[in-house]
Amino acid sequence: MSSRIFQNVIIQMKDAVDRTIGVVDEQGFVVASSELAIIGSRLDDFHAYAFDGTDKVVCTDSRSYCALGNEGGKLDFAAFVEGADQAAKTICAVSAVAFNEARSNYEEKHNKAAFVKNIISDNILPGDVYVRAKELHFVTDEPRSVLLVRQTDHSDVAAMEVIQRLFPDRQKDFVLNINETDVVVVKSLSSPEAHEEILKAAGHPQRHRREHQRKPPAGAGRPL
């Protein structure tokens, strides 16, 4: 779906720009471009490590690249423009802004995770919650627990990926990056009284102590 969003932006910009513009994924494959023949091919001069977390324009001998914004901190897409001169750098930076805005608007309208994050961040009017939930086919009467994961010592961008692996069902469980140190997990429960599910999801020590107490001591039940 992202490629279609990017291609729509390119179609609108094509007449105003006399350069080949487009978007590549993290591996350098073209997902959208004003030159249709190169879509699906890999650009050999693209190297993901060249960005190193920066949003500035990176130039090669033949193209200019600019990473598109991503909340997880991991490069997923980058805008590119033919040429490495100042005009190409400017076009690339402006294109990246347009691509980011288009993707953000789409995700805000169609992404359930963005909807949940807007509720947590209080960025949606209470009267609009049920309207948006109906548009997204979001189940509102399902029991859920909300867990806050806070990095106290130092923040690590890899923490988001680790937590997402623990909750792989992205249709029912939502892992949201709130700021540099806080990650919120909205976990779907089988029933409102499913306290064990909440403790298991949180790794609560009290639960582990109860399980340990239920285990028989070593040697119990053995004949003398």
N, C-alpha and C. Protein backbone atom coordinates (compact mmCIF):
# COMPACT_ATOMS: atom_id res chain seq x y z
N MET A 1 0.82 -1.21 0.00
CA MET A 1 0.00 0.00 0.00
C MET A 1 0.85 1.26 0.00
N SER A 2 2.02 1.24 0.67
CA SER A 2 2.89 2.42 0.70
C SER A 2 3.34 2.81 -0.70
N SER A 3 3.64 1.82 -1.56
CA SER A 3 4.09 2.13 -2.91
C SER A 3 3.03 2.88 -3.69
N ARG A 4 1.77 2.54 -3.48
CA ARG A 4 0.69 3.23 -4.17
C ARG A 4 0.58 4.68 -3.70
N ILE A 5 0.76 4.90 -2.41
CA ILE A 5 0.71 6.25 -1.86
C ILE A 5 1.83 7.09 -2.45
N PHE A 6 3.05 6.52 -2.47
CA PHE A 6 4.19 7.25 -3.02
C PHE A 6 4.00 7.54 -4.51
N GLN A 7 3.46 6.57 -5.24
CA GLN A 7 3.29 6.75 -6.68
C GLN A 7 2.27 7.86 -6.97
N ASN A 8 1.25 7.99 -6.14
CA ASN A 8 0.27 9.06 -6.31
C ASN A 8 0.91 10.43 -6.13
N VAL A 9 1.83 10.54 -5.17
CA VAL A 9 2.54 11.81 -4.95
C VAL A 9 3.43 12.11 -6.15
N ILE A 10 4.11 11.09 -6.66
CA ILE A 10 5.02 11.27 -7.80
C ILE A 10 4.26 11.74 -9.03
N ILE A 11 3.09 11.17 -9.25
CA ILE A 11 2.28 11.57 -10.41
C ILE A 11 1.96 13.06 -10.35
N GLN A 12 1.68 13.56 -9.14
CA GLN A 12 1.35 14.97 -8.98
C GLN A 12 2.58 15.87 -9.15
N MET A 13 3.76 15.33 -8.83
CA MET A 13 4.99 16.13 -8.90
C MET A 13 5.69 16.02 -10.25
N LYS A 14 5.33 15.02 -11.02
CA LYS A 14 6.08 14.70 -12.23
C LYS A 14 6.18 15.88 -13.20
N ASP A 15 5.09 16.60 -13.42
CA ASP A 15 5.09 17.70 -14.39
C ASP A 15 5.89 18.90 -13.91
N ALA A 16 6.08 19.01 -12.59
CA ALA A 16 6.79 20.17 -12.04
C ALA A 16 8.28 19.91 -11.87
N VAL A 17 8.71 18.66 -12.02
CA VAL A 17 10.11 18.29 -11.81
C VAL A 17 10.68 17.67 -13.08
N ASP A 18 11.84 18.14 -13.51
CA ASP A 18 12.45 17.62 -14.73
C ASP A 18 13.49 16.55 -14.44
N ARG A 19 13.41 15.95 -13.25
CA ARG A 19 14.34 14.87 -12.87
C ARG A 19 13.54 13.60 -12.57
N THR A 20 14.23 12.48 -12.65
CA THR A 20 13.62 11.22 -12.23
C THR A 20 13.58 11.19 -10.72
N ILE A 21 12.40 11.03 -10.15
CA ILE A 21 12.25 10.95 -8.70
C ILE A 21 11.58 9.64 -8.34
N GLY A 22 11.75 9.21 -7.11
CA GLY A 22 11.14 7.96 -6.69
C GLY A 22 11.43 7.63 -5.25
N VAL A 23 11.08 6.39 -4.87
CA VAL A 23 11.27 5.91 -3.50
C VAL A 23 11.84 4.49 -3.56
N VAL A 24 12.83 4.22 -2.70
CA VAL A 24 13.39 2.87 -2.58
C VAL A 24 13.13 2.35 -1.17
N ASP A 25 13.12 1.01 -1.03
CA ASP A 25 12.99 0.43 0.30
C ASP A 25 14.37 0.30 0.94
N GLU A 26 14.43 -0.35 2.10
CA GLU A 26 15.69 -0.43 2.84
C GLU A 26 16.77 -1.23 2.14
N GLN A 27 16.38 -2.04 1.14
CA GLN A 27 17.33 -2.84 0.38
C GLN A 27 17.73 -2.20 -0.94
N GLY A 28 17.15 -1.03 -1.23
CA GLY A 28 17.49 -0.32 -2.45
C GLY A 28 16.63 -0.64 -3.64
N PHE A 29 15.53 -1.38 -3.46
CA PHE A 29 14.63 -1.69 -4.56
C PHE A 29 13.63 -0.55 -4.76
N VAL A 30 13.42 -0.16 -5.98
CA VAL A 30 12.53 0.95 -6.31
C VAL A 30 11.08 0.49 -6.15
N VAL A 31 10.33 1.17 -5.29
CA VAL A 31 8.92 0.82 -5.06
C VAL A 31 7.98 1.80 -5.76
N ALA A 32 8.50 2.97 -6.13
CA ALA A 32 7.70 3.96 -6.86
C ALA A 32 8.66 4.89 -7.58
N SER A 33 8.29 5.34 -8.79
CA SER A 33 9.19 6.21 -9.54
C SER A 33 8.45 6.88 -10.69
N SER A 34 8.95 8.06 -11.07
CA SER A 34 8.40 8.74 -12.24
C SER A 34 8.81 8.03 -13.52
N GLU A 35 9.86 7.22 -13.44
CA GLU A 35 10.29 6.38 -14.57
C GLU A 35 9.82 4.96 -14.30
N LEU A 36 8.71 4.58 -14.87
CA LEU A 36 8.05 3.31 -14.55
C LEU A 36 8.92 2.10 -14.83
N ALA A 37 9.84 2.20 -15.78
CA ALA A 37 10.65 1.04 -16.18
C ALA A 37 11.58 0.55 -15.07
N ILE A 38 11.94 1.42 -14.11
CA ILE A 38 12.90 1.00 -13.08
C ILE A 38 12.21 0.51 -11.82
N ILE A 39 10.88 0.57 -11.75
CA ILE A 39 10.17 0.07 -10.57
C ILE A 39 10.40 -1.44 -10.44
N GLY A 40 10.83 -1.85 -9.27
CA GLY A 40 11.15 -3.26 -9.02
C GLY A 40 12.62 -3.59 -9.15
N SER A 41 13.39 -2.70 -9.78
CA SER A 41 14.83 -2.93 -9.91
C SER A 41 15.56 -2.36 -8.70
N ARG A 42 16.81 -2.77 -8.54
CA ARG A 42 17.62 -2.30 -7.41
C ARG A 42 18.62 -1.26 -7.88
N LEU A 43 18.75 -0.18 -7.09
CA LEU A 43 19.72 0.87 -7.39
C LEU A 43 21.04 0.52 -6.71
N ASP A 44 22.07 0.27 -7.50
CA ASP A 44 23.34 -0.22 -6.96
C ASP A 44 24.06 0.80 -6.09
N ASP A 45 23.77 2.08 -6.26
CA ASP A 45 24.49 3.08 -5.48
C ASP A 45 23.81 3.38 -4.14
N PHE A 46 22.73 2.67 -3.83
CA PHE A 46 22.04 2.89 -2.55
C PHE A 46 22.65 2.00 -1.47
N HIS A 47 22.98 2.61 -0.33
CA HIS A 47 23.51 1.88 0.82
C HIS A 47 22.84 2.40 2.08
N ALA A 48 22.10 1.53 2.76
CA ALA A 48 21.33 1.95 3.94
C ALA A 48 22.21 2.50 5.04
N TYR A 49 23.43 1.93 5.19
CA TYR A 49 24.30 2.37 6.28
C TYR A 49 24.75 3.82 6.13
N ALA A 50 24.66 4.37 4.92
CA ALA A 50 25.11 5.74 4.69
C ALA A 50 24.26 6.76 5.44
N PHE A 51 23.04 6.38 5.82
CA PHE A 51 22.16 7.34 6.49
C PHE A 51 22.49 7.44 7.98
N ASP A 52 22.71 6.30 8.64
CA ASP A 52 23.16 6.29 10.03
C ASP A 52 22.23 7.14 10.91
N GLY A 53 20.94 7.00 10.71
CA GLY A 53 19.97 7.71 11.54
C GLY A 53 19.74 9.16 11.19
N THR A 54 20.41 9.66 10.16
CA THR A 54 20.24 11.06 9.80
C THR A 54 19.12 11.23 8.79
N ASP A 55 18.49 12.41 8.81
CA ASP A 55 17.45 12.72 7.83
C ASP A 55 17.95 13.68 6.77
N LYS A 56 19.26 13.88 6.73
CA LYS A 56 19.84 14.77 5.73
C LYS A 56 19.99 14.05 4.40
N VAL A 57 20.15 14.84 3.35
CA VAL A 57 20.30 14.29 2.00
C VAL A 57 21.68 13.66 1.85
N VAL A 58 21.71 12.43 1.35
CA VAL A 58 22.96 11.70 1.09
C VAL A 58 23.13 11.59 -0.42
N CYS A 59 24.30 11.96 -0.92
CA CYS A 59 24.54 11.97 -2.37
C CYS A 59 25.54 10.91 -2.79
N THR A 60 25.29 10.32 -3.95
CA THR A 60 26.25 9.44 -4.61
C THR A 60 26.69 10.14 -5.90
N ASP A 61 27.37 9.43 -6.75
CA ASP A 61 27.82 10.06 -7.99
C ASP A 61 26.67 10.42 -8.93
N SER A 62 25.57 9.66 -8.84
CA SER A 62 24.48 9.87 -9.80
C SER A 62 23.14 10.24 -9.19
N ARG A 63 22.97 10.07 -7.85
CA ARG A 63 21.65 10.33 -7.25
C ARG A 63 21.78 10.99 -5.88
N SER A 64 20.67 11.58 -5.46
CA SER A 64 20.55 12.13 -4.11
C SER A 64 19.46 11.35 -3.38
N TYR A 65 19.72 11.01 -2.11
CA TYR A 65 18.78 10.23 -1.32
C TYR A 65 18.45 10.97 -0.03
N CYS A 66 17.21 10.76 0.46
CA CYS A 66 16.80 11.32 1.74
C CYS A 66 15.88 10.32 2.43
N ALA A 67 16.24 9.91 3.64
CA ALA A 67 15.45 8.91 4.36
C ALA A 67 14.09 9.47 4.74
N LEU A 68 13.08 8.62 4.67
CA LEU A 68 11.74 9.01 5.10
C LEU A 68 11.58 8.71 6.57
N GLY A 69 10.79 9.52 7.24
CA GLY A 69 10.64 9.38 8.69
C GLY A 69 10.00 8.07 9.07
N ASN A 70 10.44 7.52 10.21
CA ASN A 70 9.90 6.28 10.72
C ASN A 70 10.00 6.29 12.23
N GLU A 71 8.86 6.01 12.93
CA GLU A 71 8.84 6.08 14.39
C GLU A 71 9.74 5.04 15.04
N GLY A 72 9.88 3.88 14.42
CA GLY A 72 10.70 2.84 15.02
C GLY A 72 12.18 3.13 14.98
N GLY A 73 12.61 4.17 14.28
CA GLY A 73 14.02 4.51 14.19
C GLY A 73 14.78 3.70 13.17
N LYS A 74 14.10 2.81 12.46
CA LYS A 74 14.74 1.96 11.46
C LYS A 74 14.39 2.46 10.06
N LEU A 75 15.39 2.54 9.18
CA LEU A 75 15.16 2.99 7.81
C LEU A 75 14.29 1.98 7.08
N ASP A 76 13.17 2.44 6.53
CA ASP A 76 12.33 1.56 5.73
C ASP A 76 12.17 2.05 4.29
N PHE A 77 12.17 3.38 4.10
CA PHE A 77 12.08 3.94 2.76
C PHE A 77 12.96 5.18 2.65
N ALA A 78 13.37 5.50 1.43
CA ALA A 78 14.14 6.71 1.17
C ALA A 78 13.73 7.28 -0.18
N ALA A 79 13.60 8.61 -0.24
CA ALA A 79 13.32 9.28 -1.51
C ALA A 79 14.61 9.42 -2.30
N PHE A 80 14.53 9.38 -3.61
CA PHE A 80 15.72 9.59 -4.44
C PHE A 80 15.39 10.50 -5.61
N VAL A 81 16.41 11.24 -6.07
CA VAL A 81 16.28 12.13 -7.22
C VAL A 81 17.53 11.96 -8.07
N GLU A 82 17.35 11.95 -9.36
CA GLU A 82 18.49 11.85 -10.27
C GLU A 82 19.35 13.10 -10.17
N GLY A 83 20.67 12.90 -10.00
CA GLY A 83 21.59 14.02 -9.91
C GLY A 83 22.11 14.24 -8.50
N ALA A 84 23.27 14.88 -8.39
CA ALA A 84 23.87 15.15 -7.08
C ALA A 84 24.18 16.64 -6.91
N ASP A 85 23.60 17.49 -7.74
CA ASP A 85 23.82 18.92 -7.62
C ASP A 85 22.88 19.52 -6.58
N GLN A 86 22.98 20.82 -6.37
CA GLN A 86 22.17 21.48 -5.34
C GLN A 86 20.69 21.39 -5.65
N ALA A 87 20.32 21.49 -6.94
CA ALA A 87 18.91 21.39 -7.31
C ALA A 87 18.35 20.01 -6.97
N ALA A 88 19.15 18.97 -7.22
CA ALA A 88 18.71 17.62 -6.91
C ALA A 88 18.53 17.43 -5.40
N LYS A 89 19.44 18.00 -4.61
CA LYS A 89 19.34 17.90 -3.16
C LYS A 89 18.06 18.58 -2.66
N THR A 90 17.76 19.75 -3.21
CA THR A 90 16.57 20.48 -2.80
C THR A 90 15.30 19.71 -3.16
N ILE A 91 15.26 19.20 -4.40
CA ILE A 91 14.09 18.43 -4.85
C ILE A 91 13.91 17.18 -3.98
N CYS A 92 15.01 16.54 -3.64
CA CYS A 92 14.96 15.33 -2.84
C CYS A 92 14.41 15.62 -1.45
N ALA A 93 14.88 16.69 -0.82
CA ALA A 93 14.40 17.06 0.52
C ALA A 93 12.92 17.41 0.50
N VAL A 94 12.49 18.16 -0.51
CA VAL A 94 11.08 18.53 -0.62
C VAL A 94 10.22 17.29 -0.90
N SER A 95 10.72 16.40 -1.74
CA SER A 95 9.98 15.18 -2.05
C SER A 95 9.79 14.33 -0.80
N ALA A 96 10.83 14.25 0.02
CA ALA A 96 10.74 13.46 1.25
C ALA A 96 9.65 14.00 2.16
N VAL A 97 9.53 15.33 2.25
CA VAL A 97 8.48 15.94 3.05
C VAL A 97 7.10 15.54 2.52
N ALA A 98 6.94 15.59 1.19
CA ALA A 98 5.66 15.23 0.57
C ALA A 98 5.32 13.75 0.80
N PHE A 99 6.32 12.87 0.66
CA PHE A 99 6.09 11.45 0.87
C PHE A 99 5.72 11.16 2.33
N ASN A 100 6.43 11.79 3.26
CA ASN A 100 6.15 11.60 4.69
C ASN A 100 4.74 12.06 5.03
N GLU A 101 4.35 13.20 4.50
CA GLU A 101 3.02 13.75 4.78
C GLU A 101 1.93 12.84 4.23
N ALA A 102 2.12 12.35 3.01
CA ALA A 102 1.12 11.47 2.39
C ALA A 102 0.98 10.17 3.17
N ARG A 103 2.11 9.59 3.57
CA ARG A 103 2.05 8.33 4.32
C ARG A 103 1.44 8.54 5.70
N SER A 104 1.79 9.65 6.35
CA SER A 104 1.24 9.95 7.66
C SER A 104 -0.27 10.12 7.61
N ASN A 105 -0.75 10.84 6.59
CA ASN A 105 -2.19 11.05 6.45
C ASN A 105 -2.92 9.74 6.19
N TYR A 106 -2.31 8.87 5.38
CA TYR A 106 -2.94 7.58 5.09
C TYR A 106 -3.01 6.71 6.34
N GLU A 107 -1.89 6.64 7.08
CA GLU A 107 -1.85 5.80 8.27
C GLU A 107 -2.81 6.32 9.33
N GLU A 108 -2.91 7.64 9.44
CA GLU A 108 -3.82 8.21 10.43
C GLU A 108 -5.27 7.88 10.09
N LYS A 109 -5.56 7.75 8.81
CA LYS A 109 -6.93 7.49 8.37
C LYS A 109 -7.25 6.01 8.38
N HIS A 110 -6.26 5.15 8.07
CA HIS A 110 -6.56 3.73 7.86
C HIS A 110 -5.85 2.78 8.83
N ASN A 111 -4.92 3.26 9.64
CA ASN A 111 -4.13 2.37 10.48
C ASN A 111 -4.74 2.29 11.88
N LYS A 112 -5.02 1.07 12.33
CA LYS A 112 -5.60 0.89 13.66
C LYS A 112 -4.63 1.30 14.76
N ALA A 113 -3.34 1.02 14.54
CA ALA A 113 -2.34 1.38 15.56
C ALA A 113 -2.29 2.89 15.75
N ALA A 114 -2.37 3.64 14.65
CA ALA A 114 -2.38 5.10 14.76
C ALA A 114 -3.62 5.58 15.50
N PHE A 115 -4.74 4.89 15.28
CA PHE A 115 -5.99 5.22 15.96
C PHE A 115 -5.85 5.01 17.47
N VAL A 116 -5.27 3.88 17.86
CA VAL A 116 -5.08 3.59 19.29
C VAL A 116 -4.12 4.60 19.91
N LYS A 117 -3.06 4.95 19.19
CA LYS A 117 -2.10 5.92 19.71
C LYS A 117 -2.73 7.29 19.89
N ASN A 118 -3.62 7.68 18.98
CA ASN A 118 -4.31 8.96 19.12
C ASN A 118 -5.20 8.98 20.36
N ILE A 119 -5.78 7.83 20.70
CA ILE A 119 -6.61 7.75 21.91
C ILE A 119 -5.74 7.91 23.15
N ILE A 120 -4.61 7.20 23.18
CA ILE A 120 -3.72 7.26 24.33
C ILE A 120 -3.12 8.65 24.50
N SER A 121 -2.77 9.27 23.37
CA SER A 121 -2.16 10.60 23.41
C SER A 121 -3.19 11.72 23.52
N ASP A 122 -4.47 11.36 23.57
CA ASP A 122 -5.56 12.35 23.67
C ASP A 122 -5.54 13.30 22.47
N ASN A 123 -5.28 12.73 21.29
CA ASN A 123 -5.26 13.53 20.06
C ASN A 123 -6.52 13.34 19.22
N ILE A 124 -7.57 12.83 19.82
CA ILE A 124 -8.82 12.62 19.11
C ILE A 124 -9.97 13.03 20.02
N LEU A 125 -10.98 13.65 19.47
CA LEU A 125 -12.14 14.08 20.26
C LEU A 125 -12.94 12.86 20.71
N PRO A 126 -13.43 12.87 21.96
CA PRO A 126 -14.19 11.71 22.46
C PRO A 126 -15.35 11.33 21.55
N GLY A 127 -16.01 12.33 20.96
CA GLY A 127 -17.13 12.04 20.09
C GLY A 127 -16.75 11.36 18.80
N ASP A 128 -15.45 11.46 18.42
CA ASP A 128 -14.99 10.86 17.17
C ASP A 128 -14.47 9.43 17.34
N VAL A 129 -14.30 9.00 18.59
CA VAL A 129 -13.69 7.70 18.83
C VAL A 129 -14.52 6.57 18.22
N TYR A 130 -15.82 6.53 18.50
CA TYR A 130 -16.65 5.44 18.00
C TYR A 130 -16.88 5.56 16.51
N VAL A 131 -16.89 6.79 15.99
CA VAL A 131 -17.03 6.97 14.55
C VAL A 131 -15.82 6.39 13.82
N ARG A 132 -14.59 6.73 14.30
CA ARG A 132 -13.38 6.23 13.68
C ARG A 132 -13.26 4.72 13.87
N ALA A 133 -13.68 4.22 15.04
CA ALA A 133 -13.62 2.78 15.30
C ALA A 133 -14.50 2.02 14.31
N LYS A 134 -15.66 2.57 13.99
CA LYS A 134 -16.55 1.92 13.04
C LYS A 134 -15.95 1.94 11.64
N GLU A 135 -15.30 3.05 11.27
CA GLU A 135 -14.68 3.15 9.95
C GLU A 135 -13.55 2.14 9.78
N LEU A 136 -12.82 1.90 10.88
CA LEU A 136 -11.67 0.98 10.84
C LEU A 136 -12.07 -0.46 11.16
N HIS A 137 -13.37 -0.70 11.43
CA HIS A 137 -13.83 -2.03 11.85
C HIS A 137 -13.08 -2.47 13.11
N PHE A 138 -12.93 -1.53 14.03
CA PHE A 138 -12.20 -1.77 15.28
C PHE A 138 -13.19 -2.21 16.35
N VAL A 139 -12.93 -3.36 16.97
CA VAL A 139 -13.83 -3.90 17.99
C VAL A 139 -13.67 -3.08 19.27
N THR A 140 -14.77 -2.46 19.71
CA THR A 140 -14.69 -1.56 20.87
C THR A 140 -15.04 -2.24 22.20
N ASP A 141 -15.78 -3.35 22.15
CA ASP A 141 -16.21 -3.99 23.40
C ASP A 141 -15.33 -5.18 23.78
N GLU A 142 -14.13 -5.23 23.26
CA GLU A 142 -13.20 -6.31 23.58
C GLU A 142 -12.35 -5.92 24.78
N PRO A 143 -12.20 -6.79 25.79
CA PRO A 143 -11.38 -6.44 26.96
C PRO A 143 -9.91 -6.35 26.59
N ARG A 144 -9.25 -5.32 27.08
CA ARG A 144 -7.84 -5.10 26.78
C ARG A 144 -7.13 -4.59 28.03
N SER A 145 -5.83 -4.86 28.10
CA SER A 145 -5.00 -4.29 29.15
C SER A 145 -3.95 -3.39 28.50
N VAL A 146 -3.55 -2.36 29.22
CA VAL A 146 -2.56 -1.41 28.72
C VAL A 146 -1.33 -1.49 29.61
N LEU A 147 -0.18 -1.78 29.01
CA LEU A 147 1.07 -1.92 29.74
C LEU A 147 2.03 -0.82 29.30
N LEU A 148 2.70 -0.21 30.26
CA LEU A 148 3.71 0.80 29.96
C LEU A 148 5.09 0.20 30.18
N VAL A 149 5.90 0.21 29.14
CA VAL A 149 7.29 -0.28 29.22
C VAL A 149 8.19 0.96 29.17
N ARG A 150 8.88 1.21 30.28
CA ARG A 150 9.73 2.41 30.37
C ARG A 150 11.19 2.00 30.53
N GLN A 151 12.05 2.56 29.69
CA GLN A 151 13.49 2.32 29.78
C GLN A 151 14.08 3.35 30.74
N THR A 152 14.55 2.88 31.88
CA THR A 152 14.99 3.80 32.93
C THR A 152 16.47 4.16 32.81
N ASP A 153 17.31 3.20 32.45
CA ASP A 153 18.76 3.47 32.41
C ASP A 153 19.14 4.27 31.16
N HIS A 154 18.82 3.72 30.00
CA HIS A 154 19.11 4.40 28.74
C HIS A 154 18.14 3.89 27.68
N SER A 155 17.86 4.73 26.70
CA SER A 155 16.92 4.35 25.64
C SER A 155 17.64 3.59 24.53
N ASP A 156 16.96 2.60 23.99
CA ASP A 156 17.51 1.78 22.93
C ASP A 156 16.44 1.60 21.85
N VAL A 157 16.76 1.98 20.62
CA VAL A 157 15.77 1.89 19.54
C VAL A 157 15.38 0.45 19.26
N ALA A 158 16.25 -0.50 19.64
CA ALA A 158 15.95 -1.91 19.38
C ALA A 158 14.88 -2.45 20.32
N ALA A 159 14.58 -1.73 21.39
CA ALA A 159 13.58 -2.21 22.35
C ALA A 159 12.22 -2.36 21.70
N MET A 160 11.90 -1.46 20.79
CA MET A 160 10.61 -1.52 20.10
C MET A 160 10.48 -2.82 19.32
N GLU A 161 11.53 -3.22 18.60
CA GLU A 161 11.48 -4.44 17.81
C GLU A 161 11.37 -5.67 18.72
N VAL A 162 12.08 -5.63 19.85
CA VAL A 162 12.03 -6.77 20.78
C VAL A 162 10.62 -6.96 21.32
N ILE A 163 9.97 -5.87 21.71
CA ILE A 163 8.63 -5.95 22.27
C ILE A 163 7.64 -6.39 21.20
N GLN A 164 7.81 -5.92 19.97
CA GLN A 164 6.91 -6.32 18.88
C GLN A 164 6.98 -7.82 18.63
N ARG A 165 8.16 -8.42 18.81
CA ARG A 165 8.28 -9.87 18.63
C ARG A 165 7.51 -10.62 19.71
N LEU A 166 7.39 -10.03 20.90
CA LEU A 166 6.65 -10.67 21.98
C LEU A 166 5.14 -10.63 21.76
N PHE A 167 4.69 -9.66 20.96
CA PHE A 167 3.27 -9.52 20.67
C PHE A 167 3.09 -9.44 19.15
N PRO A 168 3.20 -10.57 18.45
CA PRO A 168 3.22 -10.55 16.98
C PRO A 168 1.87 -10.32 16.31
N ASP A 169 0.76 -10.50 17.05
CA ASP A 169 -0.56 -10.34 16.45
C ASP A 169 -0.91 -8.85 16.36
N ARG A 170 -0.61 -8.24 15.22
CA ARG A 170 -0.78 -6.80 15.07
C ARG A 170 -2.22 -6.39 14.77
N GLN A 171 -3.10 -7.37 14.60
CA GLN A 171 -4.52 -7.06 14.41
C GLN A 171 -5.23 -6.90 15.75
N LYS A 172 -4.69 -7.54 16.80
CA LYS A 172 -5.36 -7.48 18.11
C LYS A 172 -4.50 -6.83 19.17
N ASP A 173 -3.17 -6.96 19.08
CA ASP A 173 -2.26 -6.36 20.05
C ASP A 173 -1.50 -5.22 19.38
N PHE A 174 -1.33 -4.12 20.11
CA PHE A 174 -0.69 -2.94 19.54
C PHE A 174 0.50 -2.51 20.39
N VAL A 175 1.66 -2.38 19.74
CA VAL A 175 2.87 -1.91 20.39
C VAL A 175 3.17 -0.52 19.84
N LEU A 176 3.13 0.49 20.72
CA LEU A 176 3.19 1.88 20.28
C LEU A 176 4.37 2.59 20.92
N ASN A 177 5.15 3.26 20.11
CA ASN A 177 6.28 4.04 20.59
C ASN A 177 5.77 5.44 20.94
N ILE A 178 5.74 5.78 22.25
CA ILE A 178 5.19 7.05 22.70
C ILE A 178 6.23 8.16 22.68
N ASN A 179 7.42 7.86 23.20
CA ASN A 179 8.53 8.82 23.16
C ASN A 179 9.83 8.04 23.19
N GLU A 180 10.95 8.71 23.50
CA GLU A 180 12.26 8.06 23.43
C GLU A 180 12.42 6.93 24.44
N THR A 181 11.71 6.99 25.56
CA THR A 181 11.90 6.00 26.63
C THR A 181 10.68 5.11 26.87
N ASP A 182 9.49 5.51 26.42
CA ASP A 182 8.26 4.80 26.77
C ASP A 182 7.65 4.10 25.58
N VAL A 183 7.28 2.84 25.80
CA VAL A 183 6.55 2.05 24.82
C VAL A 183 5.29 1.53 25.49
N VAL A 184 4.15 1.68 24.83
CA VAL A 184 2.87 1.23 25.37
C VAL A 184 2.41 -0.01 24.60
N VAL A 185 1.98 -1.01 25.36
CA VAL A 185 1.44 -2.25 24.77
C VAL A 185 -0.03 -2.34 25.13
N VAL A 186 -0.89 -2.42 24.12
CA VAL A 186 -2.33 -2.63 24.32
C VAL A 186 -2.61 -4.08 23.97
N LYS A 187 -2.85 -4.90 25.01
CA LYS A 187 -2.96 -6.36 24.85
C LYS A 187 -4.41 -6.79 24.91
N SER A 188 -4.84 -7.52 23.90
CA SER A 188 -6.20 -8.07 23.88
C SER A 188 -6.30 -9.26 24.83
N LEU A 189 -7.40 -9.32 25.60
CA LEU A 189 -7.60 -10.38 26.58
C LEU A 189 -8.76 -11.27 26.16
N SER A 190 -8.74 -12.52 26.63
CA SER A 190 -9.81 -13.46 26.28
C SER A 190 -11.09 -13.16 27.05
N SER A 191 -10.98 -12.53 28.25
CA SER A 191 -12.15 -12.18 29.05
C SER A 191 -11.77 -11.06 30.00
N PRO A 192 -12.74 -10.31 30.52
CA PRO A 192 -12.44 -9.22 31.46
C PRO A 192 -11.77 -9.70 32.74
N GLU A 193 -11.97 -10.98 33.10
CA GLU A 193 -11.39 -11.51 34.34
C GLU A 193 -10.07 -12.24 34.10
N ALA A 194 -9.48 -12.05 32.95
CA ALA A 194 -8.26 -12.80 32.60
C ALA A 194 -7.04 -12.16 33.25
N HIS A 195 -6.99 -12.19 34.58
CA HIS A 195 -5.88 -11.56 35.30
C HIS A 195 -4.55 -12.25 35.01
N GLU A 196 -4.60 -13.57 34.84
CA GLU A 196 -3.37 -14.30 34.58
C GLU A 196 -2.74 -13.88 33.25
N GLU A 197 -3.58 -13.54 32.27
CA GLU A 197 -3.05 -13.08 30.99
C GLU A 197 -2.30 -11.76 31.16
N ILE A 198 -2.84 -10.89 32.00
CA ILE A 198 -2.19 -9.60 32.23
C ILE A 198 -0.85 -9.80 32.92
N LEU A 199 -0.83 -10.65 33.95
CA LEU A 199 0.41 -10.90 34.67
C LEU A 199 1.45 -11.59 33.77
N LYS A 200 0.97 -12.51 32.93
CA LYS A 200 1.89 -13.19 32.03
C LYS A 200 2.48 -12.22 31.01
N ALA A 201 1.63 -11.33 30.47
CA ALA A 201 2.11 -10.36 29.49
C ALA A 201 3.11 -9.40 30.09
N ALA A 202 2.89 -9.04 31.38
CA ALA A 202 3.77 -8.09 32.05
C ALA A 202 4.98 -8.75 32.68
N GLY A 203 4.98 -10.10 32.75
CA GLY A 203 6.09 -10.79 33.41
C GLY A 203 6.11 -10.47 34.89
N HIS A 204 4.91 -10.43 35.52
CA HIS A 204 4.79 -9.98 36.90
C HIS A 204 5.48 -10.96 37.85
N PRO A 205 6.33 -10.48 38.77
CA PRO A 205 7.04 -11.39 39.68
C PRO A 205 6.11 -12.11 40.63
N GLN A 206 4.96 -11.50 41.00
CA GLN A 206 4.04 -12.14 41.91
C GLN A 206 3.51 -13.43 41.32
N ARG A 207 3.28 -13.44 40.01
CA ARG A 207 2.79 -14.63 39.34
C ARG A 207 3.83 -15.73 39.39
N HIS A 208 5.10 -15.36 39.17
CA HIS A 208 6.15 -16.38 39.20
C HIS A 208 6.33 -16.96 40.60
N ARG A 209 6.12 -16.12 41.64
CA ARG A 209 6.24 -16.62 43.00
C ARG A 209 5.13 -17.62 43.30
N ARG A 210 3.90 -17.33 42.83
CA ARG A 210 2.79 -18.26 43.08
C ARG A 210 3.03 -19.58 42.37
N GLU A 211 3.57 -19.51 41.13
CA GLU A 211 3.84 -20.74 40.40
C GLU A 211 4.91 -21.56 41.12
N HIS A 212 5.91 -20.86 41.68
CA HIS A 212 6.98 -21.56 42.39
C HIS A 212 6.44 -22.22 43.64
N GLN A 213 5.49 -21.54 44.34
CA GLN A 213 4.94 -22.10 45.56
C GLN A 213 4.08 -23.33 45.27
N ARG A 214 3.48 -23.38 44.09
CA ARG A 214 2.63 -24.53 43.75
C ARG A 214 3.44 -25.78 43.41
N LYS A 215 4.73 -25.59 43.05
CA LYS A 215 5.56 -26.72 42.68
C LYS A 215 5.92 -27.53 43.93
N PRO A 216 5.80 -28.87 43.89
CA PRO A 216 6.15 -29.69 45.05
C PRO A 216 7.65 -29.66 45.28
N PRO A 217 8.10 -29.76 46.53
CA PRO A 217 9.54 -29.76 46.81
C PRO A 217 10.21 -30.98 46.20
N ALA A 218 11.51 -30.87 46.01
CA ALA A 218 12.28 -31.97 45.41
C ALA A 218 12.16 -33.21 46.27
N GLY A 219 11.84 -34.35 45.65
CA GLY A 219 11.73 -35.61 46.39
C GLY A 219 10.37 -35.89 46.92
N ALA A 220 9.45 -34.93 46.84
CA ALA A 220 8.10 -35.14 47.39
C ALA A 220 7.40 -36.26 46.62
N GLY A 221 6.75 -37.15 47.38
CA GLY A 221 6.00 -38.22 46.76
C GLY A 221 6.83 -39.45 46.45
N ARG A 222 8.14 -39.39 46.68
CA ARG A 222 8.99 -40.56 46.40
C ARG A 222 8.90 -41.54 47.58
N PRO A 223 8.85 -42.85 47.30
CA PRO A 223 8.82 -43.85 48.40
C PRO A 223 10.14 -43.86 49.15
N LEU A 224 10.05 -44.03 50.45
CA LEU A 224 11.27 -44.10 51.28
C LEU A 224 11.88 -45.48 51.19
